Protein backbone atom coordinates (compact mmCIF):
# COMPACT_ATOMS: atom_id res chain seq x y z
CA MET A 1 148.82 88.00 101.94
CA LYS A 2 150.33 90.11 99.18
CA TYR A 3 149.21 87.52 96.60
CA THR A 4 145.66 87.56 98.00
CA ASN A 5 145.43 91.36 97.82
CA THR A 6 146.74 91.39 94.25
CA MET A 7 144.22 88.76 93.13
CA ARG A 8 141.41 90.68 94.83
CA LYS A 9 142.24 93.86 92.94
CA LEU A 10 142.61 92.01 89.63
CA LEU A 11 139.20 90.41 90.18
CA PHE A 12 137.64 93.81 90.82
CA THR A 13 139.17 95.26 87.63
CA PHE A 14 137.88 92.32 85.60
CA SER A 15 134.40 92.74 87.11
CA PHE A 16 134.46 96.45 86.26
CA ILE A 17 135.13 95.66 82.59
CA ILE A 18 132.44 92.96 82.41
CA LEU A 19 129.78 95.12 84.06
CA GLY A 20 130.72 98.10 81.91
CA SER A 21 130.34 96.04 78.74
CA SER A 22 126.89 94.92 79.90
CA ALA A 23 125.84 98.53 80.37
CA ILE A 24 126.75 99.34 76.79
CA ALA A 25 125.03 96.34 75.22
CA GLN A 26 121.65 96.37 76.93
CA PRO A 27 118.55 98.46 76.05
CA THR A 28 118.07 101.22 78.62
CA ILE A 29 114.85 102.90 77.50
CA ASN A 30 111.54 102.25 75.77
CA SER A 31 109.88 105.62 75.22
CA PRO A 32 108.47 107.51 72.21
CA TYR A 33 109.93 110.68 73.76
CA SER A 34 113.43 109.34 72.97
CA SER A 35 112.77 109.65 69.22
CA PHE A 36 113.96 113.27 69.24
CA GLY A 37 117.59 114.08 68.40
CA ILE A 38 120.12 111.76 70.02
CA GLY A 39 117.55 110.49 72.53
CA GLU A 40 116.89 111.34 76.15
CA LEU A 41 119.91 112.64 78.01
CA GLY A 42 121.11 111.06 81.20
CA GLY A 43 120.76 107.60 82.64
CA LEU A 44 118.08 105.99 84.69
CA ASP A 45 117.57 107.35 88.20
CA HIS A 46 120.16 106.95 90.97
CA ALA A 47 118.58 105.08 93.91
CA THR A 48 120.05 107.32 96.63
CA MET A 49 119.18 110.66 95.01
CA LEU A 50 115.84 109.60 93.58
CA GLY A 51 114.44 109.19 97.10
CA MET A 52 115.12 112.91 97.70
CA GLY A 53 113.27 114.11 94.62
CA ASN A 54 116.34 113.66 92.37
CA SER A 55 118.16 116.57 93.99
CA THR A 56 121.38 115.15 92.61
CA ILE A 57 123.98 117.87 93.17
CA THR A 58 123.31 118.29 96.92
CA ALA A 59 123.68 114.61 97.95
CA ILE A 60 127.25 114.96 99.20
CA ASP A 61 128.59 112.80 102.03
CA SER A 62 131.25 110.19 102.73
CA PHE A 63 128.96 107.25 101.81
CA THR A 64 127.94 108.25 98.27
CA VAL A 65 129.73 108.34 94.91
CA ASN A 66 128.07 111.45 93.49
CA TYR A 67 129.32 111.76 89.91
CA PHE A 68 126.55 114.31 89.19
CA ASN A 69 128.57 116.86 91.18
CA PRO A 70 132.34 116.45 90.66
CA ALA A 71 133.03 118.75 93.63
CA SER A 72 131.95 115.92 95.96
CA TYR A 73 134.83 113.47 95.62
CA ASN A 74 137.08 114.98 98.31
CA GLN A 75 134.27 114.52 100.89
CA LEU A 76 134.83 110.76 101.09
CA ALA A 77 136.16 109.18 104.28
CA ALA A 78 139.96 109.09 104.42
CA GLY A 79 141.59 105.87 103.29
CA GLN A 80 138.46 104.07 102.08
CA PRO A 81 137.46 103.77 98.42
CA LEU A 82 133.83 103.27 97.44
CA PHE A 83 132.49 101.02 94.69
CA SER A 84 129.04 102.03 93.46
CA LEU A 85 126.62 100.06 91.30
CA GLY A 86 123.09 101.03 90.30
CA ILE A 87 120.28 99.06 88.65
CA SER A 88 117.03 100.72 87.60
CA SER A 89 113.64 99.55 86.39
CA ARG A 90 110.87 101.63 84.87
CA LEU A 91 107.31 100.50 84.23
CA SER A 92 105.42 102.82 81.89
CA ASN A 93 101.88 103.03 80.60
CA TYR A 94 101.52 105.18 77.46
CA SER A 95 98.15 106.51 76.35
CA SER A 96 96.85 108.72 73.56
CA GLY A 97 93.11 109.12 73.38
CA SER A 98 91.62 105.61 73.62
CA GLU A 99 94.87 103.86 72.70
CA SER A 100 97.32 102.62 75.33
CA SER A 101 100.37 100.39 75.65
CA PHE A 102 102.64 99.12 78.44
CA SER A 103 106.42 98.75 78.56
CA ASN A 104 109.10 98.01 81.13
CA VAL A 105 112.88 98.28 81.09
CA THR A 106 115.53 97.14 83.56
CA ALA A 107 119.13 98.25 83.05
CA LEU A 108 122.46 98.88 84.70
CA GLN A 109 122.35 102.54 85.69
CA HIS A 110 126.01 103.16 86.49
CA PHE A 111 129.22 101.61 87.68
CA ALA A 112 131.72 103.85 89.41
CA MET A 113 134.55 103.99 91.91
CA ALA A 114 135.77 106.90 94.04
CA PHE A 115 138.46 107.34 96.66
CA PRO A 116 140.25 110.13 98.51
CA ILE A 117 143.83 111.00 97.57
CA ARG A 118 146.04 112.77 100.05
CA LYS A 119 144.02 114.68 102.63
CA ASN A 120 141.80 117.12 100.76
CA PHE A 121 141.46 115.64 97.28
CA GLY A 122 139.28 112.97 95.75
CA LEU A 123 139.20 111.00 92.51
CA ALA A 124 136.42 109.08 90.76
CA PHE A 125 135.94 107.20 87.52
CA GLY A 126 133.21 105.07 86.00
CA LEU A 127 130.76 104.39 83.21
CA LYS A 128 127.23 105.74 82.77
CA PRO A 129 124.74 106.46 79.96
CA TYR A 130 124.87 109.90 78.32
CA SER A 131 121.85 109.56 76.03
CA ARG A 132 119.34 106.77 75.42
CA LYS A 133 117.15 105.97 72.43
CA GLY A 134 114.53 103.24 72.32
CA TYR A 135 111.04 103.30 70.80
CA GLU A 136 108.77 101.60 68.27
CA VAL A 137 105.57 103.02 66.79
CA THR A 138 103.41 101.36 64.12
CA THR A 139 100.67 102.93 61.99
CA ARG A 140 98.59 101.66 59.04
CA SER A 141 96.81 103.26 56.08
CA LEU A 142 94.41 101.66 53.58
CA LEU A 143 95.47 101.17 49.95
CA GLY A 144 92.58 99.60 48.06
CA SER A 145 92.00 96.11 49.45
CA ASP A 146 95.44 96.11 51.04
CA SER A 147 97.11 98.38 53.57
CA LEU A 148 100.46 100.02 54.12
CA LYS A 149 102.21 99.41 57.42
CA TYR A 150 104.63 102.08 58.66
CA THR A 151 107.05 101.25 61.48
CA TYR A 152 109.19 103.86 63.23
CA SER A 153 111.80 102.57 65.66
CA GLY A 154 115.01 103.68 67.35
CA SER A 155 117.68 102.08 69.47
CA GLY A 156 121.11 102.63 70.99
CA GLY A 157 122.56 105.72 72.58
CA PHE A 158 125.82 107.26 73.74
CA ASN A 159 127.80 106.06 76.75
CA ASP A 160 130.11 108.15 78.92
CA VAL A 161 133.30 106.82 80.48
CA PHE A 162 134.55 109.50 82.85
CA ILE A 163 137.20 110.44 85.37
CA GLY A 164 136.80 113.26 87.89
CA LEU A 165 138.90 115.11 90.43
CA SER A 166 138.04 117.52 93.24
CA GLY A 167 139.81 119.39 96.01
CA ASP A 168 139.18 121.76 98.90
CA LEU A 169 140.40 125.28 98.07
CA LEU A 170 140.24 126.36 101.72
CA ALA A 171 142.32 123.46 103.07
CA PRO A 172 145.52 125.54 103.41
CA PHE A 173 143.67 127.89 105.78
CA LYS A 174 142.73 125.00 108.12
CA LEU A 175 139.14 126.10 108.65
CA ASP A 176 137.41 123.35 110.62
CA SER A 177 133.85 124.39 109.85
CA THR A 178 134.06 125.72 106.27
CA SER A 179 135.12 124.12 103.00
CA LEU A 180 135.03 125.24 99.38
CA SER A 181 135.39 122.34 96.97
CA ILE A 182 135.86 122.55 93.21
CA GLY A 183 135.87 119.65 90.81
CA ALA A 184 135.59 118.56 87.20
CA ASN A 185 134.56 115.47 85.27
CA PHE A 186 136.28 114.66 81.99
CA GLY A 187 134.42 112.16 79.87
CA TYR A 188 134.66 110.36 76.56
CA LEU A 189 131.44 109.70 74.64
CA PHE A 190 131.08 106.67 72.41
CA GLY A 191 128.30 104.59 70.90
CA GLU A 192 125.64 105.02 68.24
CA ALA A 193 121.98 105.94 68.02
CA THR A 194 119.83 104.54 65.22
CA ASP A 195 116.49 105.60 63.73
CA LEU A 196 114.72 103.26 61.32
CA ARG A 197 111.59 103.83 59.24
CA SER A 198 110.09 101.00 57.20
CA SER A 199 107.00 100.75 55.03
CA THR A 200 105.54 97.42 53.91
CA LEU A 201 102.53 96.43 51.82
CA THR A 202 100.25 94.04 53.67
CA ALA A 203 99.00 91.51 51.17
CA SER A 204 98.17 87.79 51.41
CA GLY A 205 99.06 87.80 55.07
CA SER A 206 102.65 88.98 54.46
CA ASP A 207 104.13 92.33 55.47
CA PHE A 208 107.87 91.71 55.09
CA THR A 209 108.56 93.25 51.67
CA GLY A 210 109.07 97.00 51.52
CA GLY A 211 111.38 99.97 51.88
CA ILE A 212 113.64 101.13 54.69
CA ASP A 213 115.17 104.47 55.71
CA LEU A 214 118.00 104.00 58.17
CA THR A 215 119.92 106.80 59.95
CA THR A 216 122.81 106.16 62.34
CA ILE A 217 124.69 108.73 64.41
CA GLN A 218 127.99 107.67 65.96
CA ALA A 219 129.68 109.63 68.75
CA SER A 220 133.40 109.78 69.47
CA SER A 221 134.10 112.88 71.52
CA PHE A 222 135.50 114.29 74.75
CA HIS A 223 133.41 116.53 76.99
CA TYR A 224 133.51 117.93 80.52
CA ASN A 225 131.44 119.45 83.33
CA LEU A 226 132.33 121.46 86.44
CA GLY A 227 131.17 121.53 90.05
CA LEU A 228 131.49 123.89 93.02
CA SER A 229 130.40 123.28 96.60
CA LEU A 230 130.53 125.56 99.66
CA SER A 231 129.66 124.13 103.08
CA HIS A 232 129.64 125.61 106.57
CA ASP A 233 128.86 124.05 109.96
CA PHE A 234 127.29 126.34 112.52
CA ARG A 235 128.66 124.47 115.51
CA GLN A 236 127.90 125.15 119.15
CA GLY A 237 129.94 124.28 122.18
CA ASP A 238 127.20 122.28 123.90
CA SER A 239 126.65 119.00 121.99
CA SER A 240 123.24 118.60 123.62
CA LYS A 241 121.85 121.50 121.57
CA PHE A 242 120.83 121.84 117.94
CA GLN A 243 123.57 122.05 115.32
CA HIS A 244 123.09 123.48 111.85
CA ALA A 245 124.93 123.12 108.55
CA LEU A 246 124.43 124.74 105.15
CA LEU A 247 125.69 123.57 101.77
CA LEU A 248 125.47 125.48 98.48
CA SER A 249 126.32 123.65 95.26
CA THR A 250 126.36 124.43 91.59
CA THR A 251 127.28 122.46 88.49
CA LEU A 252 127.86 123.71 84.96
CA GLU A 253 128.11 121.83 81.69
CA PRO A 254 128.86 124.43 79.01
CA SER A 255 127.58 124.04 75.46
CA GLN A 256 130.18 121.95 73.65
CA ASN A 257 130.91 120.73 70.14
CA LEU A 258 130.67 116.94 70.25
CA ARG A 259 132.43 115.07 67.47
CA ALA A 260 130.12 112.69 65.59
CA THR A 261 129.58 111.02 62.22
CA SER A 262 126.38 109.96 60.50
CA GLU A 263 125.25 107.44 57.90
CA TYR A 264 122.00 107.48 55.95
CA GLY A 265 120.73 104.70 53.73
CA ARG A 266 117.59 103.89 51.76
CA TYR A 267 116.97 100.24 50.97
CA TYR A 268 114.54 97.81 49.40
CA SER A 269 114.13 94.38 50.95
CA ILE A 270 112.07 91.20 50.73
CA ASN A 271 112.43 91.07 54.54
CA VAL A 272 112.64 94.46 56.24
CA ASN A 273 113.51 92.74 59.53
CA ASP A 274 116.77 91.22 58.23
CA PRO A 275 119.61 93.54 57.05
CA ALA A 276 121.10 90.60 55.10
CA PHE A 277 118.35 91.09 52.50
CA TYR A 278 118.72 94.88 52.14
CA ASP A 279 119.21 96.12 48.56
CA THR A 280 120.81 99.59 48.61
CA LEU A 281 118.97 102.32 46.71
CA PHE A 282 120.86 105.28 48.19
CA TYR A 283 123.68 105.65 50.72
CA GLN A 284 125.57 108.64 52.09
CA LYS A 285 128.10 108.94 54.88
CA TYR A 286 128.70 112.33 56.44
CA ASP A 287 132.22 113.16 57.50
CA ALA A 288 133.00 114.07 61.08
CA ASP A 289 130.85 116.95 62.18
CA ARG A 290 129.84 118.57 65.44
CA ILE A 291 126.73 118.15 67.56
CA VAL A 292 126.19 121.33 69.57
CA SER A 293 125.11 120.24 73.05
CA ALA A 294 122.76 122.14 75.33
CA ALA A 295 124.30 124.23 78.12
CA ASP A 296 123.16 123.08 81.57
CA LEU A 297 123.31 124.96 84.89
CA ALA A 298 122.13 123.61 88.27
CA ILE A 299 122.05 125.38 91.64
CA GLY A 300 121.32 123.48 94.84
CA LEU A 301 120.95 124.05 98.56
CA ARG A 302 121.04 121.65 101.50
CA TYR A 303 120.17 122.62 105.06
CA THR A 304 121.03 120.09 107.77
CA LEU A 305 119.72 120.10 111.34
CA ASN A 306 121.23 117.78 113.95
CA ARG A 307 119.06 117.21 116.99
CA PRO A 308 120.39 115.27 120.00
CA SER A 309 117.65 113.43 121.86
CA LYS A 310 117.81 111.23 124.92
CA LYS A 311 117.01 107.57 124.27
CA ASN A 312 117.72 106.21 127.76
CA ASP A 313 119.98 106.88 130.71
CA LYS A 314 123.05 105.53 128.91
CA HIS A 315 122.69 106.70 125.33
CA ARG A 316 121.70 109.81 123.42
CA LEU A 317 120.51 109.60 119.78
CA ASN A 318 121.99 112.11 117.34
CA SER A 319 119.25 112.44 114.73
CA GLN A 320 119.60 114.48 111.55
CA LEU A 321 117.13 116.08 109.17
CA ALA A 322 118.38 117.34 105.80
CA VAL A 323 116.38 119.51 103.39
CA HIS A 324 117.47 119.39 99.71
CA ALA A 325 116.41 121.76 96.93
CA THR A 326 117.72 122.15 93.36
CA TYR A 327 116.95 124.41 90.42
CA ARG A 328 118.13 123.47 86.92
CA SER A 329 118.12 125.40 83.65
CA THR A 330 119.07 123.90 80.27
CA ASN A 331 119.35 125.99 77.12
CA TRP A 332 118.11 123.59 74.43
CA THR A 333 117.55 126.39 71.93
CA ASN A 334 121.20 126.10 70.83
CA PHE A 335 121.13 122.31 70.49
CA SER A 336 121.72 121.19 66.90
CA ILE A 337 122.66 118.15 64.82
CA PRO A 338 123.98 119.38 61.45
CA PHE A 339 123.27 116.18 59.48
CA ASP A 340 119.85 115.52 61.05
CA GLY A 341 116.89 116.38 58.84
CA ASP A 342 114.61 116.69 61.87
CA SER A 343 113.09 120.18 62.00
CA THR A 344 112.15 119.97 65.70
CA GLN A 345 112.39 123.30 67.50
CA TYR A 346 113.76 122.58 70.96
CA LEU A 347 112.71 124.74 73.91
CA ALA A 348 114.65 125.85 76.97
CA THR A 349 113.81 123.77 80.05
CA THR A 350 113.71 124.26 83.81
CA GLY A 351 113.53 121.81 86.69
CA PHE A 352 112.73 121.97 90.41
CA ASN A 353 113.65 119.21 92.87
CA PHE A 354 112.84 119.03 96.55
CA GLY A 355 113.64 116.32 99.08
CA LEU A 356 114.01 115.39 102.74
CA GLN A 357 116.25 112.85 104.42
CA TYR A 358 115.93 111.77 108.06
CA ILE A 359 118.51 109.70 109.96
CA PRO A 360 117.61 108.72 113.55
CA GLU A 361 121.29 108.12 114.46
CA VAL A 362 124.08 109.62 112.37
CA GLY A 363 126.81 108.36 114.71
CA PHE A 364 125.90 104.69 114.37
CA LEU A 365 129.52 103.67 113.73
CA SER A 366 130.48 104.54 117.31
CA ASN A 367 127.12 103.47 118.75
CA ARG A 368 126.47 100.21 116.91
CA THR A 369 125.93 98.18 120.06
CA LEU A 370 123.42 100.69 121.46
CA THR A 371 121.33 101.36 118.37
CA LYS A 372 118.72 99.26 116.62
CA PHE A 373 118.75 98.63 112.89
CA HIS A 374 115.84 100.97 112.11
CA GLU A 375 117.69 103.79 113.94
CA ARG A 376 120.60 103.53 111.49
CA MET A 377 118.46 103.64 108.36
CA ARG A 378 118.03 106.68 106.12
CA TYR A 379 114.46 107.69 105.28
CA ARG A 380 113.89 109.79 102.17
CA VAL A 381 110.96 111.51 100.47
CA GLY A 382 110.75 114.11 97.69
CA ALA A 383 109.07 115.58 94.62
CA TYR A 384 110.13 117.08 91.28
CA TYR A 385 108.78 119.12 88.38
CA ASN A 386 110.55 119.49 85.02
CA THR A 387 109.74 120.88 81.62
CA LEU A 388 111.00 118.95 78.58
CA PRO A 389 112.52 120.46 75.42
CA TYR A 390 109.71 119.47 73.03
CA THR A 391 106.01 120.15 72.55
CA ALA A 392 102.85 118.14 71.94
CA GLY A 393 99.80 119.82 70.52
CA GLY A 394 101.50 123.20 70.81
CA GLU A 395 102.13 122.76 74.58
CA GLN A 396 105.48 122.13 76.24
CA VAL A 397 105.73 118.64 77.72
CA THR A 398 106.14 118.43 81.52
CA ASP A 399 107.43 115.68 83.82
CA PHE A 400 106.47 115.64 87.49
CA GLY A 401 106.25 113.11 90.27
CA THR A 402 106.81 112.08 93.88
CA THR A 403 109.52 109.87 95.33
CA PHE A 404 110.56 108.02 98.46
CA GLY A 405 113.49 105.82 99.40
CA LEU A 406 115.44 103.95 102.05
CA GLY A 407 119.14 103.67 102.79
CA LEU A 408 120.39 100.64 104.71
CA PRO A 409 123.93 101.09 106.09
CA ILE A 410 126.07 98.01 106.63
CA ALA A 411 128.84 98.80 109.10
CA VAL A 412 131.73 96.34 109.47
CA ARG A 413 134.70 97.45 111.57
CA SER A 414 135.37 101.04 110.52
CA SER A 415 134.01 100.62 106.96
CA VAL A 416 130.47 101.50 105.92
CA SER A 417 128.75 99.99 102.92
CA SER A 418 125.11 100.63 102.06
CA VAL A 419 122.17 99.32 100.13
CA ASN A 420 119.72 101.90 98.77
CA PHE A 421 116.23 101.72 97.30
CA GLY A 422 114.46 104.53 95.46
CA PHE A 423 110.88 104.58 94.19
CA SER A 424 109.07 107.11 92.05
CA PHE A 425 105.61 107.67 90.62
CA GLY A 426 105.33 110.27 87.88
CA GLN A 427 103.66 111.48 84.74
CA ARG A 428 104.86 113.02 81.48
CA GLY A 429 102.73 114.75 78.91
CA VAL A 430 100.49 117.78 78.37
CA SER A 431 97.00 118.74 79.48
CA ASP A 432 95.40 117.61 76.18
CA ALA A 433 94.23 114.01 76.74
CA THR A 434 94.45 113.23 73.01
CA GLN A 435 98.22 113.74 73.05
CA LEU A 436 100.78 111.17 74.17
CA LYS A 437 100.92 110.76 77.95
CA GLU A 438 103.11 108.53 80.09
CA GLN A 439 102.43 107.34 83.64
CA TYR A 440 105.37 105.50 85.13
CA TYR A 441 106.74 103.76 88.21
CA GLY A 442 110.44 103.75 88.91
CA ILE A 443 112.11 101.06 91.02
CA ASN A 444 115.80 101.67 91.63
CA PHE A 445 118.43 99.69 93.49
CA GLY A 446 121.93 100.79 94.40
CA ILE A 447 124.77 99.29 96.37
CA THR A 448 127.89 101.03 97.64
CA ILE A 449 130.72 98.85 98.91
CA SER A 450 133.58 99.97 101.09
CA PRO A 451 136.37 97.38 101.54
CA VAL A 452 136.74 95.80 104.96
CA GLY A 453 140.06 95.23 106.68
CA ASP A 454 142.18 96.42 103.74
CA ARG A 455 142.55 100.16 103.28
CA TRP A 456 143.65 100.43 99.67
CA PHE A 457 145.57 103.37 98.24
CA GLN A 458 147.44 103.92 101.49
CA LYS A 459 151.19 103.56 101.85
CA ARG A 460 152.22 100.55 103.92
CA LYS A 461 154.58 101.10 106.82
CA LEU A 462 156.72 98.53 108.66
CA ASP A 463 157.18 98.73 112.41
C-alpha cells in the first residue's frame, strides 16, 4: 500500500511538470490588441469564475482553487487537496471597415494545486500565464510596378509560477460565524515576448527577400500580490428559515519593478521567414533593466441567501443563491518599459463584474441518495464591462460581454470533484466602425479533482 501511494504521488508530480511545460510552449492568444507593451496581461478565462461574469476574487469556497485571491486557500475542506486544471478556447472575428478576419486559439489556462495545512491555513502553488502576445498584420504599398509587403507579428509572453499562503486572523478567537483571512501569492516570472517587423519587395512572384527588425524582451523576476477576505454568516436558530451570509474581498498588486532584458536586431535576409539566413546589420543588447508594472486594486462583494424548501415528506432541499460583484481599478499611467521605443500613452482602466450562482441543493454530500443530478449542479450567469489601457481613433477601447456556466459536482465518498464549463460572448473596440473591433466567443473547461480514499498531507496514526 505504501508503494502504491508513493507511485501515485510521483506520477502526479511528473504530470504537473509535463502539463506545465505544455503551457509554456503553446500559443495562448491571437489578437492585434496584444501588440502593445508586453502583451495582454492575465491568462484565458477560468471556467468557474467566467460563468459569474468573471467576478474572480469573490469565488471562494471549498471546491475551488482561487489563485486570483490568495486569501481563499484556508477555506478548503480539511484534509483534502484539490488539483485544478483549466483549458480555454476563444473564437474571434476581427473587423475594420469592410475588412474582416477570423482566428481561434485553444490553450492550457492554468495548472494548480491547493490544500489546507493545520486547521486555519491553506497553501497553493501552480503555473499560469502572466502576459500573452500573439498577432500578425500585413499591409502593402505600391512601388512602381512592384509592391512592398510589410508584416508585423508578435509571439510569446511571460509565465508565472507561484506559491501562495493564507490564514484566518480570527481563528484564535473561535468565532463560528466570522472569519478574516489574509493571504499572499509569491511568483516568479519567466519567458520572452517577441515583436518582428519585416518588409519585402514583391517581384516576379517572390516576397522572401527583405529586411527585418526584431525586438525580444525576456523576463526573470519575482513579484507578489495580496488578498484579504472578511466573511460573516447571519445564522438563525430555525434551519427552516432563510439564512444569509456576506463576504467582502479585496486584492492588491502594487506597482513593482520587474527585472527584464531586451535585445534588438536589424537584419537583411534572402528569406525573412528563416533566421538561418539573417545577415546582421545592427544588434544591441540592453543590460538588465526594470519594467514598471501597473498597480491593480480589486474590491468584491458576495451576498449568499440559503433558502430551505420542502421537496417531499422525507426530504427538504437547501437551495442557495449567491450574488457576486467586483470593481477593479488599474493604474496603467505608471506602466513603462525603459528599452521599448513604443510611444504609446497608456490610460488608467476600470472594470465592473456581476454574476449570479444558483445551487438547488448545497448539502448534496449528505443527501446524495435523495437528490437528483440536476439538483446538485451549479447554475451561473453574469456580465462584465471593462475599459482597456489603449485608444483607437482617440477613444478608449472597451470590452464588455455576457456569460453563463455550469458546475457539475462529482461526489465519491466524502470527496468532491467537479467539472465546470464557462461560456462568454463579448465585444472589444470603440464606437467608430472604421476602427478595429473584435467579437468573440469564449468556451472554457475546468476540472477540479479531490483524491478519493487517501487523505494526503495528514499524519498517519496506528491503532
